[in-house]
Amino acid sequence: MEWESFLKITRSLPLINTENLMVGSPDPSSIQVQISRWHKAGKIIQLKKGIYLLAEPYRKVEVYEPYIAAVLKRPSYISLEKALEYHNLIPEAVSVYTSVTTKRGARFESEAGIFDYRHIQESLFWGYASHTVNQQTSFIAVPEKALLDFFYLKKVKISPDYLREMRLQNPASINIKTLETHARRFAKPEMMTVAAEIKEYASSVHTEKVL
């Protein structure tokens, strides 16, 4: 396959799955050789084995990074710090796209970004919503689940001081009833403690603003 032919097929795609390119090809090995050459030449970026992204000069479609996160590991949804940033619950920009998955944890680093995956049991794989940008669908934890995932997976002991240290902001956007319902669904006493501490923190911040 020539480069121009390859571009005609892939330029309108956000990502390139080499398995799809090889379907029906009389000589899939030759396509793989070309993919390897284009990768070495910097024309395409390897996100993981079999998944590529056109280098910026050749792209026709702007790629939505949360969509990359959804494709690199399925099933998964963005959570923890990146989801907290997305919901404006922390002020810092977070460079790593951390997702949770029922599969084995993994980490993929490339020019497109850093995509980290934390394992979570199937019984806790919920509490997220789909988001579509440029016809690219991703999955991101709702604010309450992102907070609970953060403390559950990081095993951080919650306290008012820690919440201030992480600069938790806009607590009014946290639905306390949803937070408590989600915490109960974890079926772990420590998660109810997390919900109670966040509720108390949200109340104290509101009181400070009123005063």
Protein backbone atom coordinates (compact mmCIF):
# COMPACT_ATOMS: atom_id res chain seq x y z
CA MET A 1 0.00 0.00 0.00
CA GLU A 2 1.31 3.42 -0.98
CA TRP A 3 1.33 6.31 1.50
CA GLU A 4 -1.21 8.37 -0.47
CA SER A 5 -3.61 5.41 -0.60
CA PHE A 6 -3.14 4.90 3.12
CA LEU A 7 -3.92 8.58 3.77
CA LYS A 8 -7.12 8.42 1.72
CA ILE A 9 -8.34 5.58 3.93
CA THR A 10 -7.20 6.91 7.31
CA ARG A 11 -7.20 10.73 7.16
CA SER A 12 -10.84 11.00 8.21
CA LEU A 13 -10.44 8.53 11.06
CA PRO A 14 -9.50 9.69 14.57
CA LEU A 15 -7.43 6.54 15.16
CA ILE A 16 -6.07 3.74 13.00
CA ASN A 17 -6.69 0.10 13.85
CA THR A 18 -4.32 -1.99 11.73
CA GLU A 19 -6.52 -5.09 12.11
CA ASN A 20 -9.26 -3.30 10.17
CA LEU A 21 -6.81 -2.37 7.40
CA MET A 22 -5.74 -5.97 6.98
CA VAL A 23 -9.25 -7.41 6.67
CA GLY A 24 -9.64 -8.76 3.14
CA SER A 25 -6.08 -7.90 2.16
CA PRO A 26 -4.35 -10.57 0.03
CA ASP A 27 -1.03 -9.73 1.71
CA PRO A 28 -1.54 -8.35 5.25
CA SER A 29 2.13 -8.85 6.11
CA SER A 30 3.14 -6.22 3.53
CA ILE A 31 0.77 -3.71 5.17
CA GLN A 32 2.39 -4.44 8.52
CA VAL A 33 5.84 -3.79 7.02
CA GLN A 34 4.66 -0.45 5.64
CA ILE A 35 3.08 0.50 8.99
CA SER A 36 6.41 -0.18 10.68
CA ARG A 37 8.26 1.99 8.15
CA TRP A 38 5.81 4.89 8.46
CA HIS A 39 6.08 4.67 12.23
CA LYS A 40 9.88 4.85 12.09
CA ALA A 41 9.62 7.78 9.67
CA GLY A 42 7.42 9.68 12.13
CA LYS A 43 4.38 9.71 9.84
CA ILE A 44 2.24 7.80 12.32
CA ILE A 45 2.34 7.52 16.12
CA GLN A 46 1.96 4.17 17.83
CA LEU A 47 -0.38 4.38 20.82
CA LYS A 48 -0.18 0.65 21.50
CA LYS A 49 0.24 -2.47 19.40
CA GLY A 50 -2.19 -2.25 16.48
CA ILE A 51 -3.48 1.26 17.32
CA TYR A 52 -1.95 4.30 15.62
CA LEU A 53 -2.53 8.02 15.17
CA LEU A 54 -1.55 10.04 12.13
CA ALA A 55 1.21 12.55 12.86
CA GLU A 56 -0.19 16.06 13.18
CA PRO A 57 0.67 17.35 9.66
CA TYR A 58 -1.42 14.58 8.10
CA ARG A 59 -4.48 14.68 10.34
CA LYS A 60 -7.82 15.84 9.03
CA VAL A 61 -9.66 15.08 12.29
CA GLU A 62 -8.84 16.61 15.67
CA VAL A 63 -8.47 13.78 18.15
CA TYR A 64 -10.25 13.96 21.51
CA GLU A 65 -7.86 12.53 24.12
CA PRO A 66 -10.57 10.96 26.33
CA TYR A 67 -11.62 9.00 23.23
CA ILE A 68 -8.06 7.65 22.97
CA ALA A 69 -8.36 6.57 26.60
CA ALA A 70 -11.58 4.70 25.81
CA VAL A 71 -10.05 2.90 22.82
CA LEU A 72 -6.71 1.84 24.33
CA LYS A 73 -8.37 -0.26 27.02
CA ARG A 74 -11.93 -1.56 26.90
CA PRO A 75 -13.97 -1.39 29.02
CA SER A 76 -12.72 1.67 30.86
CA TYR A 77 -13.77 5.12 31.99
CA ILE A 78 -11.72 8.15 33.05
CA SER A 79 -11.73 8.74 36.79
CA LEU A 80 -9.60 9.92 39.72
CA GLU A 81 -7.65 13.19 39.19
CA LYS A 82 -8.44 13.61 35.48
CA ALA A 83 -12.17 13.29 36.10
CA LEU A 84 -11.92 15.67 39.07
CA GLU A 85 -10.23 18.20 36.78
CA TYR A 86 -12.90 17.64 34.11
CA HIS A 87 -15.64 18.43 36.64
CA ASN A 88 -13.69 21.46 37.96
CA LEU A 89 -13.36 19.92 41.43
CA ILE A 90 -9.60 20.57 41.54
CA PRO A 91 -7.84 23.62 40.06
CA GLU A 92 -4.75 21.94 38.61
CA ALA A 93 -4.44 20.71 35.02
CA VAL A 94 -3.73 16.97 35.12
CA SER A 95 -1.41 15.62 32.44
CA VAL A 96 -2.11 11.91 32.95
CA TYR A 97 -5.39 10.39 31.76
CA THR A 98 -6.14 7.89 34.52
CA SER A 99 -8.92 5.43 33.84
CA VAL A 100 -10.33 2.45 35.69
CA THR A 101 -10.91 -0.88 33.98
CA THR A 102 -12.04 -4.38 34.83
CA LYS A 103 -9.06 -5.63 32.84
CA ARG A 104 -5.44 -5.73 33.93
CA GLY A 105 -3.86 -2.35 34.71
CA ALA A 106 -1.58 -0.81 32.08
CA ARG A 107 0.18 2.39 31.05
CA PHE A 108 0.67 3.75 27.53
CA GLU A 109 2.96 6.69 26.82
CA SER A 110 3.37 8.41 23.46
CA GLU A 111 3.36 11.84 21.85
CA ALA A 112 -0.42 11.76 22.23
CA GLY A 113 -0.20 11.68 26.03
CA ILE A 114 0.05 9.39 29.03
CA PHE A 115 -2.81 6.97 29.56
CA ASP A 116 -2.83 5.04 32.82
CA TYR A 117 -5.28 2.27 33.76
CA ARG A 118 -6.12 1.06 37.26
CA HIS A 119 -7.88 -2.25 37.82
CA ILE A 120 -11.21 -2.27 39.62
CA GLN A 121 -13.51 -5.22 40.24
CA GLU A 122 -16.55 -5.61 38.00
CA SER A 123 -18.93 -4.97 40.92
CA LEU A 124 -17.55 -1.41 41.15
CA PHE A 125 -17.50 -0.63 37.43
CA TRP A 126 -20.30 1.94 37.27
CA GLY A 127 -20.93 5.62 37.93
CA TYR A 128 -19.82 7.10 34.62
CA ALA A 129 -21.39 8.86 31.66
CA SER A 130 -20.62 9.01 27.95
CA HIS A 131 -19.34 12.21 26.34
CA THR A 132 -19.10 12.71 22.59
CA VAL A 133 -16.85 15.32 20.94
CA ASN A 134 -16.21 15.37 17.17
CA GLN A 135 -18.21 12.11 16.94
CA GLN A 136 -15.69 10.49 19.31
CA THR A 137 -17.27 8.92 22.39
CA SER A 138 -15.50 8.67 25.72
CA PHE A 139 -16.58 7.65 29.22
CA ILE A 140 -15.93 9.79 32.31
CA ALA A 141 -16.85 9.17 35.95
CA VAL A 142 -19.54 11.39 37.42
CA PRO A 143 -18.12 13.72 40.11
CA GLU A 144 -19.25 11.61 43.04
CA LYS A 145 -17.83 8.35 41.66
CA ALA A 146 -14.56 10.04 40.69
CA LEU A 147 -14.09 11.12 44.30
CA LEU A 148 -14.92 7.69 45.68
CA ASP A 149 -12.67 5.95 43.13
CA PHE A 150 -9.86 8.33 44.12
CA PHE A 151 -9.93 7.42 47.80
CA TYR A 152 -10.70 3.75 47.19
CA LEU A 153 -7.90 3.09 44.70
CA LYS A 154 -5.28 5.36 46.22
CA LYS A 155 -6.05 4.10 49.74
CA VAL A 156 -5.58 7.62 51.08
CA LYS A 157 -6.89 8.35 54.57
CA ILE A 158 -9.42 11.13 54.17
CA SER A 159 -9.48 14.13 56.49
CA PRO A 160 -10.43 17.81 56.28
CA ASP A 161 -6.73 18.65 56.02
CA TYR A 162 -6.27 16.26 53.11
CA LEU A 163 -9.28 17.68 51.26
CA ARG A 164 -7.81 21.16 51.68
CA GLU A 165 -4.41 19.89 50.57
CA MET A 166 -5.88 18.43 47.37
CA ARG A 167 -7.64 21.80 46.93
CA LEU A 168 -11.08 20.32 46.48
CA GLN A 169 -13.20 23.14 45.08
CA ASN A 170 -16.77 23.82 43.98
CA PRO A 171 -18.21 21.32 46.50
CA ALA A 172 -21.69 22.64 45.74
CA SER A 173 -21.48 20.74 42.45
CA ILE A 174 -21.26 17.45 44.37
CA ASN A 175 -24.63 15.78 44.83
CA ILE A 176 -24.39 14.55 48.42
CA LYS A 177 -27.30 12.12 48.07
CA THR A 178 -25.67 10.57 45.02
CA LEU A 179 -22.33 10.46 46.84
CA GLU A 180 -23.87 8.60 49.79
CA THR A 181 -25.78 6.21 47.52
CA HIS A 182 -22.62 5.40 45.57
CA ALA A 183 -20.63 4.99 48.80
CA ARG A 184 -23.15 2.45 50.12
CA ARG A 185 -22.87 0.53 46.85
CA PHE A 186 -19.17 -0.06 47.57
CA ALA A 187 -20.33 -2.12 50.58
CA LYS A 188 -17.24 -1.03 52.52
CA PRO A 189 -17.54 0.97 55.77
CA GLU A 190 -14.52 3.12 54.93
CA MET A 191 -16.30 4.49 51.85
CA MET A 192 -19.18 5.72 54.00
CA THR A 193 -16.53 7.54 56.04
CA VAL A 194 -15.23 9.13 52.84
CA ALA A 195 -18.74 10.29 51.93
CA ALA A 196 -19.30 11.69 55.43
CA GLU A 197 -16.02 13.62 55.40
CA ILE A 198 -16.75 15.12 51.97
CA LYS A 199 -20.26 16.06 53.10
CA GLU A 200 -18.85 17.79 56.19
CA TYR A 201 -16.19 19.55 54.11
CA ALA A 202 -18.77 20.77 51.59
CA SER A 203 -20.91 22.10 54.44
CA SER A 204 -17.97 23.89 56.07
CA VAL A 205 -16.92 25.54 52.81
CA HIS A 206 -20.50 26.73 52.25
CA THR A 207 -20.59 28.15 55.79
CA GLU A 208 -17.30 29.98 55.26
CA LYS A 209 -18.63 31.60 52.09
CA VAL A 210 -21.82 32.71 53.84
CA LEU A 211 -19.81 34.25 56.69
